[in-house]
Amino acid sequence: MVDALEAETLWEDFHRVVNMTSPELAAWLRVRDAQEEVEPLPEEAGSATGRHVLAILQKRRTDLTDDDLRVMRKVVETVEEQTDVADEPAAEDTRLRHRLMTVGHDPLKP
């Protein structure tokens, strides 16, 4: 369990790095998993982490679970490790951009 100050800081960091809205992330997860023959149900689209990020975006801070906090910490670390605020990936770096979008961070979004 984390203390209130740590949870507050994590909440702010998470919402700083996750710059996609719930509808944007949900649409991306559906598109990312769509194939020619089959398209997953909306609630089953995307990775487990991507779906968890989407669920967190729809929660209030007071409703967070320990598992939510773990995923939030993982997302913040992933985005910070794979991006450089002064040098965000260019549009040509599609693989990195798509990987980051799966956890709710679009590096091309202002």
Protein backbone atom coordinates (compact mmCIF):
# COMPACT_ATOMS: atom_id res chain seq x y z
CA MET A 1 0.00 0.00 0.00
CA VAL A 2 1.17 3.52 -0.71
CA ASP A 3 0.64 6.59 1.42
CA ALA A 4 -1.66 9.41 0.33
CA LEU A 5 1.15 11.69 -0.88
CA GLU A 6 2.73 8.94 -2.98
CA ALA A 7 -0.68 8.03 -4.46
CA GLU A 8 -1.31 11.70 -5.30
CA THR A 9 2.06 12.02 -7.02
CA LEU A 10 1.50 8.79 -8.96
CA TRP A 11 -1.98 9.97 -10.02
CA GLU A 12 -0.51 13.21 -11.35
CA ASP A 13 2.40 11.46 -13.10
CA PHE A 14 0.06 8.91 -14.67
CA HIS A 15 -2.25 11.60 -16.04
CA ARG A 16 0.74 13.56 -17.30
CA VAL A 17 2.10 10.65 -19.37
CA VAL A 18 -1.25 9.19 -20.42
CA ASN A 19 -2.28 11.91 -22.85
CA MET A 20 -4.96 9.99 -24.74
CA THR A 21 -8.59 10.25 -23.66
CA SER A 22 -10.63 7.17 -22.79
CA PRO A 23 -12.44 7.23 -26.18
CA GLU A 24 -9.14 7.68 -28.05
CA LEU A 25 -7.48 4.80 -26.20
CA ALA A 26 -10.52 2.52 -26.58
CA ALA A 27 -10.63 3.21 -30.33
CA TRP A 28 -6.88 2.62 -30.66
CA LEU A 29 -7.08 -0.71 -28.81
CA ARG A 30 -9.92 -1.86 -31.10
CA VAL A 31 -8.07 -0.79 -34.26
CA ARG A 32 -4.81 -2.31 -33.04
CA ASP A 33 -6.44 -5.74 -32.56
CA ALA A 34 -8.69 -5.71 -35.63
CA GLN A 35 -7.86 -8.25 -38.29
CA GLU A 36 -9.36 -9.03 -41.66
CA GLU A 37 -11.36 -12.04 -40.46
CA VAL A 38 -12.23 -11.15 -36.90
CA GLU A 39 -12.54 -8.15 -34.64
CA PRO A 40 -12.48 -8.65 -30.86
CA LEU A 41 -15.28 -7.51 -28.60
CA PRO A 42 -14.59 -3.93 -27.46
CA GLU A 43 -13.98 -4.98 -23.86
CA GLU A 44 -11.46 -7.62 -25.02
CA ALA A 45 -9.48 -5.42 -27.43
CA GLY A 46 -5.88 -4.56 -26.75
CA SER A 47 -3.35 -5.84 -24.26
CA ALA A 48 -4.23 -6.50 -20.63
CA THR A 49 -2.22 -3.41 -19.65
CA GLY A 50 -3.98 -1.27 -22.25
CA ARG A 51 -7.39 -2.39 -21.00
CA HIS A 52 -6.29 -1.72 -17.41
CA VAL A 53 -5.13 1.80 -18.33
CA LEU A 54 -8.54 2.39 -19.92
CA ALA A 55 -10.27 1.20 -16.75
CA ILE A 56 -8.08 3.48 -14.60
CA LEU A 57 -8.95 6.48 -16.79
CA GLN A 58 -12.60 5.85 -15.97
CA LYS A 59 -12.04 5.76 -12.20
CA ARG A 60 -11.89 8.37 -9.50
CA ARG A 61 -8.69 8.61 -7.51
CA THR A 62 -10.42 7.32 -4.38
CA ASP A 63 -11.49 4.12 -6.18
CA LEU A 64 -7.97 2.97 -7.12
CA THR A 65 -6.85 -0.51 -6.08
CA ASP A 66 -3.33 -1.68 -5.31
CA ASP A 67 -3.32 -3.37 -8.72
CA ASP A 68 -4.30 -0.06 -10.36
CA LEU A 69 -1.39 1.67 -8.60
CA ARG A 70 1.00 -1.06 -9.81
CA VAL A 71 -0.14 -0.61 -13.41
CA MET A 72 0.02 3.18 -13.13
CA ARG A 73 3.61 2.96 -11.86
CA LYS A 74 4.51 0.57 -14.70
CA VAL A 75 2.97 2.88 -17.33
CA VAL A 76 4.76 5.97 -15.97
CA GLU A 77 8.08 4.11 -15.94
CA THR A 78 7.55 2.71 -19.46
CA VAL A 79 6.65 6.05 -21.00
CA GLU A 80 9.46 7.90 -19.23
CA GLU A 81 12.03 5.25 -20.24
CA GLN A 82 10.96 5.22 -23.89
CA THR A 83 10.49 8.93 -24.46
CA ASP A 84 12.48 12.07 -24.08
CA VAL A 85 10.30 15.11 -23.60
CA ALA A 86 12.76 17.24 -25.56
CA ASP A 87 13.04 14.63 -28.30
CA GLU A 88 9.70 12.84 -28.74
CA PRO A 89 9.65 10.20 -31.49
CA ALA A 90 9.07 11.50 -34.98
CA ALA A 91 6.07 10.41 -37.02
CA GLU A 92 8.38 8.01 -38.86
CA ASP A 93 9.04 6.03 -35.67
CA THR A 94 5.76 4.16 -36.04
CA ARG A 95 6.62 1.07 -33.99
CA LEU A 96 7.59 3.08 -30.89
CA ARG A 97 4.59 5.37 -31.27
CA HIS A 98 2.18 2.43 -31.55
CA ARG A 99 3.78 0.67 -28.56
CA LEU A 100 3.37 3.81 -26.44
CA MET A 101 -0.19 4.38 -27.65
CA THR A 102 -1.08 0.93 -26.35
CA VAL A 103 -0.57 2.29 -22.82
CA GLY A 104 -2.26 5.63 -23.54
CA HIS A 105 0.64 7.89 -24.57
CA ASP A 106 0.64 9.36 -28.08
CA PRO A 107 4.05 11.01 -28.52
CA LEU A 108 2.77 13.07 -31.45
CA LYS A 109 -0.05 14.60 -29.41
CA PRO A 110 0.75 18.05 -28.00
